[in-house]
Amino acid sequence: MSAKLEKIGADLERARKKAKDWAEKARVLEEEYKKQESIEISDICRSFEMTPDKLKRLLERTGNGLPNPGLAEAIEKEEEDNE
């Protein structure tokens, strides 16, 4: 093998190792991102005193769109009426 070919082969191996390391780092960061996202969503729900049942009903009513501002209050009023 020529010296040039050996150098290219060594560079290729280093590049493959770096690619593998970066893929692992990306996987770990994606997991961390997902965990933090879940924490923030949970904190938002708690700040509105949203129980899992209320959140479920809110999401069912909104479908794929964004909720209107009065929908959470309407669900809260329904719950008070049912008590």
PDB file of N, CA and C in Angstrom:
ATOM      1  N   MET A   1       0.848  -1.181   0.000  1.00  0.00           N
ATOM      2  CA  MET A   1       0.000   0.000   0.000  1.00  0.00           C
ATOM      3  C   MET A   1       0.891   1.241   0.000  1.00  0.00           C
ATOM      4  N   SER A   2       0.479   2.245  -0.701  1.00  0.00           N
ATOM      5  CA  SER A   2       1.264   3.477  -0.746  1.00  0.00           C
ATOM      6  C   SER A   2       1.032   4.293   0.522  1.00  0.00           C
ATOM      7  N   ALA A   3       1.941   5.181   0.809  1.00  0.00           N
ATOM      8  CA  ALA A   3       1.834   6.041   1.995  1.00  0.00           C
ATOM      9  C   ALA A   3       0.585   6.917   1.906  1.00  0.00           C
ATOM     10  N   LYS A   4       0.293   7.392   0.705  1.00  0.00           N
ATOM     11  CA  LYS A   4      -0.881   8.255   0.523  1.00  0.00           C
ATOM     12  C   LYS A   4      -2.168   7.472   0.816  1.00  0.00           C
ATOM     13  N   LEU A   5      -2.247   6.246   0.321  1.00  0.00           N
ATOM     14  CA  LEU A   5      -3.426   5.413   0.544  1.00  0.00           C
ATOM     15  C   LEU A   5      -3.574   5.077   2.024  1.00  0.00           C
ATOM     16  N   GLU A   6      -2.481   4.801   2.712  1.00  0.00           N
ATOM     17  CA  GLU A   6      -2.521   4.518   4.141  1.00  0.00           C
ATOM     18  C   GLU A   6      -3.014   5.729   4.927  1.00  0.00           C
ATOM     19  N   LYS A   7      -2.547   6.918   4.535  1.00  0.00           N
ATOM     20  CA  LYS A   7      -2.985   8.151   5.210  1.00  0.00           C
ATOM     21  C   LYS A   7      -4.482   8.358   5.017  1.00  0.00           C
ATOM     22  N   ILE A   8      -4.952   8.173   3.800  1.00  0.00           N
ATOM     23  CA  ILE A   8      -6.386   8.338   3.522  1.00  0.00           C
ATOM     24  C   ILE A   8      -7.188   7.310   4.319  1.00  0.00           C
ATOM     25  N   GLY A   9      -6.685   6.071   4.372  1.00  0.00           N
ATOM     26  CA  GLY A   9      -7.375   5.024   5.136  1.00  0.00           C
ATOM     27  C   GLY A   9      -7.450   5.370   6.616  1.00  0.00           C
ATOM     28  N   ALA A  10      -6.356   5.898   7.179  1.00  0.00           N
ATOM     29  CA  ALA A  10      -6.340   6.293   8.594  1.00  0.00           C
ATOM     30  C   ALA A  10      -7.305   7.446   8.839  1.00  0.00           C
ATOM     31  N   ASP A  11      -7.321   8.407   7.913  1.00  0.00           N
ATOM     32  CA  ASP A  11      -8.255   9.536   8.039  1.00  0.00           C
ATOM     33  C   ASP A  11      -9.695   9.052   7.989  1.00  0.00           C
ATOM     34  N   LEU A  12      -9.943   8.105   7.122  1.00  0.00           N
ATOM     35  CA  LEU A  12     -11.289   7.546   6.996  1.00  0.00           C
ATOM     36  C   LEU A  12     -11.715   6.868   8.297  1.00  0.00           C
ATOM     37  N   GLU A  13     -10.842   6.097   8.899  1.00  0.00           N
ATOM     38  CA  GLU A  13     -11.161   5.436  10.174  1.00  0.00           C
ATOM     39  C   GLU A  13     -11.447   6.463  11.274  1.00  0.00           C
ATOM     40  N   ARG A  14     -10.637   7.518  11.343  1.00  0.00           N
ATOM     41  CA  ARG A  14     -10.874   8.574  12.342  1.00  0.00           C
ATOM     42  C   ARG A  14     -12.220   9.245  12.105  1.00  0.00           C
ATOM     43  N   ALA A  15     -12.523   9.496  10.822  1.00  0.00           N
ATOM     44  CA  ALA A  15     -13.798  10.139  10.491  1.00  0.00           C
ATOM     45  C   ALA A  15     -14.978   9.252  10.882  1.00  0.00           C
ATOM     46  N   ARG A  16     -14.854   7.941  10.648  1.00  0.00           N
ATOM     47  CA  ARG A  16     -15.925   7.014  11.017  1.00  0.00           C
ATOM     48  C   ARG A  16     -16.115   6.988  12.531  1.00  0.00           C
ATOM     49  N   LYS A  17     -15.012   7.003  13.285  1.00  0.00           N
ATOM     50  CA  LYS A  17     -15.099   7.003  14.745  1.00  0.00           C
ATOM     51  C   LYS A  17     -15.773   8.277  15.230  1.00  0.00           C
ATOM     52  N   LYS A  18     -15.372   9.422  14.658  1.00  0.00           N
ATOM     53  CA  LYS A  18     -15.986  10.694  15.047  1.00  0.00           C
ATOM     54  C   LYS A  18     -17.482  10.689  14.731  1.00  0.00           C
ATOM     55  N   ALA A  19     -17.831  10.147  13.571  1.00  0.00           N
ATOM     56  CA  ALA A  19     -19.246  10.095  13.188  1.00  0.00           C
ATOM     57  C   ALA A  19     -20.032   9.249  14.185  1.00  0.00           C
ATOM     58  N   LYS A  20     -19.445   8.122  14.590  1.00  0.00           N
ATOM     59  CA  LYS A  20     -20.108   7.261  15.568  1.00  0.00           C
ATOM     60  C   LYS A  20     -20.259   7.986  16.903  1.00  0.00           C
ATOM     61  N   ASP A  21     -19.187   8.682  17.337  1.00  0.00           N
ATOM     62  CA  ASP A  21     -19.241   9.423  18.595  1.00  0.00           C
ATOM     63  C   ASP A  21     -20.293  10.529  18.541  1.00  0.00           C
ATOM     64  N   TRP A  22     -20.358  11.249  17.426  1.00  0.00           N
ATOM     65  CA  TRP A  22     -21.342  12.329  17.288  1.00  0.00           C
ATOM     66  C   TRP A  22     -22.767  11.787  17.236  1.00  0.00           C
ATOM     67  N   ALA A  23     -22.948  10.631  16.606  1.00  0.00           N
ATOM     68  CA  ALA A  23     -24.285  10.030  16.569  1.00  0.00           C
ATOM     69  C   ALA A  23     -24.734   9.675  17.987  1.00  0.00           C
ATOM     70  N   GLU A  24     -23.823   9.144  18.791  1.00  0.00           N
ATOM     71  CA  GLU A  24     -24.152   8.811  20.183  1.00  0.00           C
ATOM     72  C   GLU A  24     -24.465  10.078  20.972  1.00  0.00           C
ATOM     73  N   LYS A  25     -23.665  11.120  20.758  1.00  0.00           N
ATOM     74  CA  LYS A  25     -23.909  12.379  21.461  1.00  0.00           C
ATOM     75  C   LYS A  25     -25.273  12.951  21.081  1.00  0.00           C
ATOM     76  N   ALA A  26     -25.613  12.881  19.798  1.00  0.00           N
ATOM     77  CA  ALA A  26     -26.923  13.374  19.347  1.00  0.00           C
ATOM     78  C   ALA A  26     -28.053  12.588  19.993  1.00  0.00           C
ATOM     79  N   ARG A  27     -27.886  11.255  20.118  1.00  0.00           N
ATOM     80  CA  ARG A  27     -28.909  10.424  20.747  1.00  0.00           C
ATOM     81  C   ARG A  27     -29.112  10.814  22.211  1.00  0.00           C
ATOM     82  N   VAL A  28     -28.016  11.028  22.920  1.00  0.00           N
ATOM     83  CA  VAL A  28     -28.092  11.416  24.335  1.00  0.00           C
ATOM     84  C   VAL A  28     -28.759  12.780  24.470  1.00  0.00           C
ATOM     85  N   LEU A  29     -28.380  13.723  23.613  1.00  0.00           N
ATOM     86  CA  LEU A  29     -28.981  15.060  23.673  1.00  0.00           C
ATOM     87  C   LEU A  29     -30.467  15.017  23.340  1.00  0.00           C
ATOM     88  N   GLU A  30     -30.864  14.163  22.406  1.00  0.00           N
ATOM     89  CA  GLU A  30     -32.289  14.031  22.089  1.00  0.00           C
ATOM     90  C   GLU A  30     -33.062  13.519  23.290  1.00  0.00           C
ATOM     91  N   GLU A  31     -32.493  12.566  24.025  1.00  0.00           N
ATOM     92  CA  GLU A  31     -33.149  12.050  25.233  1.00  0.00           C
ATOM     93  C   GLU A  31     -33.265  13.141  26.293  1.00  0.00           C
ATOM     94  N   GLU A  32     -32.182  13.893  26.498  1.00  0.00           N
ATOM     95  CA  GLU A  32     -32.210  14.973  27.484  1.00  0.00           C
ATOM     96  C   GLU A  32     -33.239  16.029  27.102  1.00  0.00           C
ATOM     97  N   TYR A  33     -33.312  16.352  25.813  1.00  0.00           N
ATOM     98  CA  TYR A  33     -34.267  17.342  25.323  1.00  0.00           C
ATOM     99  C   TYR A  33     -35.697  16.880  25.602  1.00  0.00           C
ATOM    100  N   LYS A  34     -35.963  15.611  25.316  1.00  0.00           N
ATOM    101  CA  LYS A  34     -37.307  15.068  25.522  1.00  0.00           C
ATOM    102  C   LYS A  34     -37.683  15.084  27.001  1.00  0.00           C
ATOM    103  N   LYS A  35     -36.740  14.720  27.879  1.00  0.00           N
ATOM    104  CA  LYS A  35     -37.011  14.754  29.313  1.00  0.00           C
ATOM    105  C   LYS A  35     -37.330  16.169  29.780  1.00  0.00           C
ATOM    106  N   GLN A  36     -36.508  17.136  29.364  1.00  0.00           N
ATOM    107  CA  GLN A  36     -36.721  18.523  29.788  1.00  0.00           C
ATOM    108  C   GLN A  36     -38.033  19.064  29.240  1.00  0.00           C
ATOM    109  N   GLU A  37     -38.358  18.692  28.008  1.00  0.00           N
ATOM    110  CA  GLU A  37     -39.614  19.117  27.408  1.00  0.00           C
ATOM    111  C   GLU A  37     -40.801  18.588  28.225  1.00  0.00           C
ATOM    112  N   SER A  38     -40.729  17.337  28.641  1.00  0.00           N
ATOM    113  CA  SER A  38     -41.794  16.739  29.445  1.00  0.00           C
ATOM    114  C   SER A  38     -41.935  17.439  30.787  1.00  0.00           C
ATOM    115  N   ILE A  39     -40.804  17.772  31.397  1.00  0.00           N
ATOM    116  CA  ILE A  39     -40.829  18.483  32.678  1.00  0.00           C
ATOM    117  C   ILE A  39     -41.511  19.836  32.517  1.00  0.00           C
ATOM    118  N   GLU A  40     -41.146  20.559  31.458  1.00  0.00           N
ATOM    119  CA  GLU A  40     -41.734  21.886  31.249  1.00  0.00           C
ATOM    120  C   GLU A  40     -43.220  21.805  30.951  1.00  0.00           C
ATOM    121  N   ILE A  41     -43.642  20.818  30.178  1.00  0.00           N
ATOM    122  CA  ILE A  41     -45.072  20.647  29.903  1.00  0.00           C
ATOM    123  C   ILE A  41     -45.810  20.334  31.201  1.00  0.00           C
ATOM    124  N   SER A  42     -45.238  19.466  31.994  1.00  0.00           N
ATOM    125  CA  SER A  42     -45.842  19.113  33.280  1.00  0.00           C
ATOM    126  C   SER A  42     -45.945  20.340  34.189  1.00  0.00           C
ATOM    127  N   ASP A  43     -44.892  21.149  34.242  1.00  0.00           N
ATOM    128  CA  ASP A  43     -44.911  22.368  35.056  1.00  0.00           C
ATOM    129  C   ASP A  43     -45.993  23.339  34.600  1.00  0.00           C
ATOM    130  N   ILE A  44     -46.167  23.453  33.293  1.00  0.00           N
ATOM    131  CA  ILE A  44     -47.205  24.344  32.761  1.00  0.00           C
ATOM    132  C   ILE A  44     -48.576  23.845  33.201  1.00  0.00           C
ATOM    133  N   CYS A  45     -48.804  22.544  33.072  1.00  0.00           N
ATOM    134  CA  CYS A  45     -50.105  21.982  33.480  1.00  0.00           C
ATOM    135  C   CYS A  45     -50.351  22.217  34.963  1.00  0.00           C
ATOM    136  N   ARG A  46     -49.327  22.011  35.778  1.00  0.00           N
ATOM    137  CA  ARG A  46     -49.486  22.227  37.215  1.00  0.00           C
ATOM    138  C   ARG A  46     -49.750  23.693  37.533  1.00  0.00           C
ATOM    139  N   SER A  47     -49.127  24.604  36.788  1.00  0.00           N
ATOM    140  CA  SER A  47     -49.332  26.023  37.065  1.00  0.00           C
ATOM    141  C   SER A  47     -50.783  26.437  36.814  1.00  0.00           C
ATOM    142  N   PHE A  48     -51.470  25.698  35.947  1.00  0.00           N
ATOM    143  CA  PHE A  48     -52.886  25.960  35.684  1.00  0.00           C
ATOM    144  C   PHE A  48     -53.783  25.050  36.509  1.00  0.00           C
ATOM    145  N   GLU A  49     -53.170  24.336  37.477  1.00  0.00           N
ATOM    146  CA  GLU A  49     -53.892  23.379  38.303  1.00  0.00           C
ATOM    147  C   GLU A  49     -54.683  22.405  37.434  1.00  0.00           C
ATOM    148  N   MET A  50     -54.039  21.946  36.376  1.00  0.00           N
ATOM    149  CA  MET A  50     -54.664  21.054  35.409  1.00  0.00           C
ATOM    150  C   MET A  50     -54.409  19.610  35.837  1.00  0.00           C
ATOM    151  N   THR A  51     -55.478  18.901  36.179  1.00  0.00           N
ATOM    152  CA  THR A  51     -55.349  17.487  36.523  1.00  0.00           C
ATOM    153  C   THR A  51     -55.213  16.686  35.229  1.00  0.00           C
ATOM    154  N   PRO A  52     -54.765  15.460  35.317  1.00  0.00           N
ATOM    155  CA  PRO A  52     -54.673  14.649  34.097  1.00  0.00           C
ATOM    156  C   PRO A  52     -56.019  14.525  33.376  1.00  0.00           C
ATOM    157  N   ASP A  53     -57.106  14.423  34.145  1.00  0.00           N
ATOM    158  CA  ASP A  53     -58.423  14.314  33.527  1.00  0.00           C
ATOM    159  C   ASP A  53     -58.802  15.606  32.804  1.00  0.00           C
ATOM    160  N   LYS A  54     -58.537  16.745  33.445  1.00  0.00           N
ATOM    161  CA  LYS A  54     -58.841  18.029  32.797  1.00  0.00           C
ATOM    162  C   LYS A  54     -58.018  18.206  31.530  1.00  0.00           C
ATOM    163  N   LEU A  55     -56.750  17.848  31.603  1.00  0.00           N
ATOM    164  CA  LEU A  55     -55.884  17.969  30.430  1.00  0.00           C
ATOM    165  C   LEU A  55     -56.392  17.082  29.303  1.00  0.00           C
ATOM    166  N   LYS A  56     -56.796  15.872  29.635  1.00  0.00           N
ATOM    167  CA  LYS A  56     -57.324  14.948  28.632  1.00  0.00           C
ATOM    168  C   LYS A  56     -58.554  15.534  27.949  1.00  0.00           C
ATOM    169  N   ARG A  57     -59.471  16.066  28.753  1.00  0.00           N
ATOM    170  CA  ARG A  57     -60.689  16.646  28.168  1.00  0.00           C
ATOM    171  C   ARG A  57     -60.375  17.867  27.324  1.00  0.00           C
ATOM    172  N   LEU A  58     -59.433  18.684  27.782  1.00  0.00           N
ATOM    173  CA  LEU A  58     -59.044  19.867  27.019  1.00  0.00           C
ATOM    174  C   LEU A  58     -58.474  19.464  25.666  1.00  0.00           C
ATOM    175  N   LEU A  59     -57.602  18.471  25.662  1.00  0.00           N
ATOM    176  CA  LEU A  59     -56.992  18.022  24.413  1.00  0.00           C
ATOM    177  C   LEU A  59     -58.008  17.350  23.503  1.00  0.00           C
ATOM    178  N   GLU A  60     -58.940  16.610  24.074  1.00  0.00           N
ATOM    179  CA  GLU A  60     -59.982  15.981  23.258  1.00  0.00           C
ATOM    180  C   GLU A  60     -60.846  17.033  22.577  1.00  0.00           C
ATOM    181  N   ARG A  61     -61.128  18.111  23.271  1.00  0.00           N
ATOM    182  CA  ARG A  61     -62.000  19.153  22.709  1.00  0.00           C
ATOM    183  C   ARG A  61     -61.298  20.004  21.669  1.00  0.00           C
ATOM    184  N   THR A  62     -59.997  20.130  21.776  1.00  0.00           N
ATOM    185  CA  THR A  62     -59.293  20.992  20.829  1.00  0.00           C
ATOM    186  C   THR A  62     -58.961  20.275  19.536  1.00  0.00           C
ATOM    187  N   GLY A  63     -58.957  18.958  19.553  1.00  0.00           N
ATOM    188  CA  GLY A  63     -58.619  18.219  18.340  1.00  0.00           C
ATOM    189  C   GLY A  63     -57.202  18.539  17.919  1.00  0.00           C
ATOM    190  N   ASN A  64     -57.023  18.884  16.669  1.00  0.00           N
ATOM    191  CA  ASN A  64     -55.692  19.206  16.166  1.00  0.00           C
ATOM    192  C   ASN A  64     -55.396  20.704  16.187  1.00  0.00           C
ATOM    193  N   GLY A  65     -56.378  21.495  16.588  1.00  0.00           N
ATOM    194  CA  GLY A  65     -56.176  22.936  16.595  1.00  0.00           C
ATOM    195  C   GLY A  65     -55.733  23.442  17.951  1.00  0.00           C
ATOM    196  N   LEU A  66     -55.551  24.723  18.030  1.00  0.00           N
ATOM    197  CA  LEU A  66     -55.182  25.350  19.296  1.00  0.00           C
ATOM    198  C   LEU A  66     -56.443  25.645  20.093  1.00  0.00           C
ATOM    199  N   PRO A  67     -56.375  25.505  21.406  1.00  0.00           N
ATOM    200  CA  PRO A  67     -57.568  25.763  22.217  1.00  0.00           C
ATOM    201  C   PRO A  67     -57.907  27.241  22.248  1.00  0.00           C
ATOM    202  N   ASN A  68     -59.186  27.514  22.362  1.00  0.00           N
ATOM    203  CA  ASN A  68     -59.550  28.910  22.543  1.00  0.00           C
ATOM    204  C   ASN A  68     -59.348  29.258  24.016  1.00  0.00           C
ATOM    205  N   PRO A  69     -59.126  30.514  24.319  1.00  0.00           N
ATOM    206  CA  PRO A  69     -58.777  30.900  25.687  1.00  0.00           C
ATOM    207  C   PRO A  69     -59.821  30.525  26.740  1.00  0.00           C
ATOM    208  N   GLY A  70     -61.078  30.465  26.378  1.00  0.00           N
ATOM    209  CA  GLY A  70     -62.123  30.189  27.351  1.00  0.00           C
ATOM    210  C   GLY A  70     -62.388  28.712  27.594  1.00  0.00           C
ATOM    211  N   LEU A  71     -61.751  27.841  26.853  1.00  0.00           N
ATOM    212  CA  LEU A  71     -62.032  26.417  26.968  1.00  0.00           C
ATOM    213  C   LEU A  71     -61.625  25.863  28.330  1.00  0.00           C
ATOM    214  N   ALA A  72     -60.488  26.258  28.851  1.00  0.00           N
ATOM    215  CA  ALA A  72     -60.045  25.763  30.167  1.00  0.00           C
ATOM    216  C   ALA A  72     -61.026  26.202  31.247  1.00  0.00           C
ATOM    217  N   GLU A  73     -61.504  27.445  31.150  1.00  0.00           N
ATOM    218  CA  GLU A  73     -62.476  27.932  32.129  1.00  0.00           C
ATOM    219  C   GLU A  73     -63.788  27.160  32.018  1.00  0.00           C
ATOM    220  N   ALA A  74     -64.190  26.816  30.800  1.00  0.00           N
ATOM    221  CA  ALA A  74     -65.427  26.060  30.600  1.00  0.00           C
ATOM    222  C   ALA A  74     -65.308  24.673  31.229  1.00  0.00           C
ATOM    223  N   ILE A  75     -64.172  24.050  31.092  1.00  0.00           N
ATOM    224  CA  ILE A  75     -63.962  22.732  31.698  1.00  0.00           C
ATOM    225  C   ILE A  75     -63.974  22.857  33.216  1.00  0.00           C
ATOM    226  N   GLU A  76     -63.356  23.916  33.736  1.00  0.00           N
ATOM    227  CA  GLU A  76     -63.340  24.153  35.186  1.00  0.00           C
ATOM    228  C   GLU A  76     -64.767  24.350  35.698  1.00  0.00           C
ATOM    229  N   LYS A  77     -65.575  25.123  34.962  1.00  0.00           N
ATOM    230  CA  LYS A  77     -66.954  25.376  35.370  1.00  0.00           C
ATOM    231  C   LYS A  77     -67.758  24.079  35.337  1.00  0.00           C
ATOM    232  N   GLU A  78     -67.554  23.261  34.312  1.00  0.00           N
ATOM    233  CA  GLU A  78     -68.245  21.965  34.253  1.00  0.00           C
ATOM    234  C   GLU A  78     -67.921  21.125  35.468  1.00  0.00           C
ATOM    235  N   GLU A  79     -66.668  21.129  35.842  1.00  0.00           N
ATOM    236  CA  GLU A  79     -66.256  20.326  36.988  1.00  0.00           C
ATOM    237  C   GLU A  79     -66.901  20.833  38.269  1.00  0.00           C
ATOM    238  N   GLU A  80     -66.985  22.145  38.422  1.00  0.00           N
ATOM    239  CA  GLU A  80     -67.624  22.726  39.603  1.00  0.00           C
ATOM    240  C   GLU A  80     -69.113  22.383  39.610  1.00  0.00           C
ATOM    241  N   ASP A  81     -69.746  22.414  38.446  1.00  0.00           N
ATOM    242  CA  ASP A  81     -71.179  22.090  38.352  1.00  0.00           C
ATOM    243  C   ASP A  81     -71.444  20.631  38.694  1.00  0.00           C
ATOM    244  N   ASN A  82     -70.489  19.763  38.358  1.00  0.00           N
ATOM    245  CA  ASN A  82     -70.656  18.333  38.625  1.00  0.00           C
ATOM    246  C   ASN A  82     -70.435  17.985  40.090  1.00  0.00           C
ATOM    247  N   GLU A  83     -69.852  18.883  40.850  1.00  0.00           N
ATOM    248  CA  GLU A  83     -69.584  18.604  42.279  1.00  0.00           C
ATOM    249  C   GLU A  83     -70.763  18.900  43.113  1.00  0.00           C
TER     250      GLU A  83
END
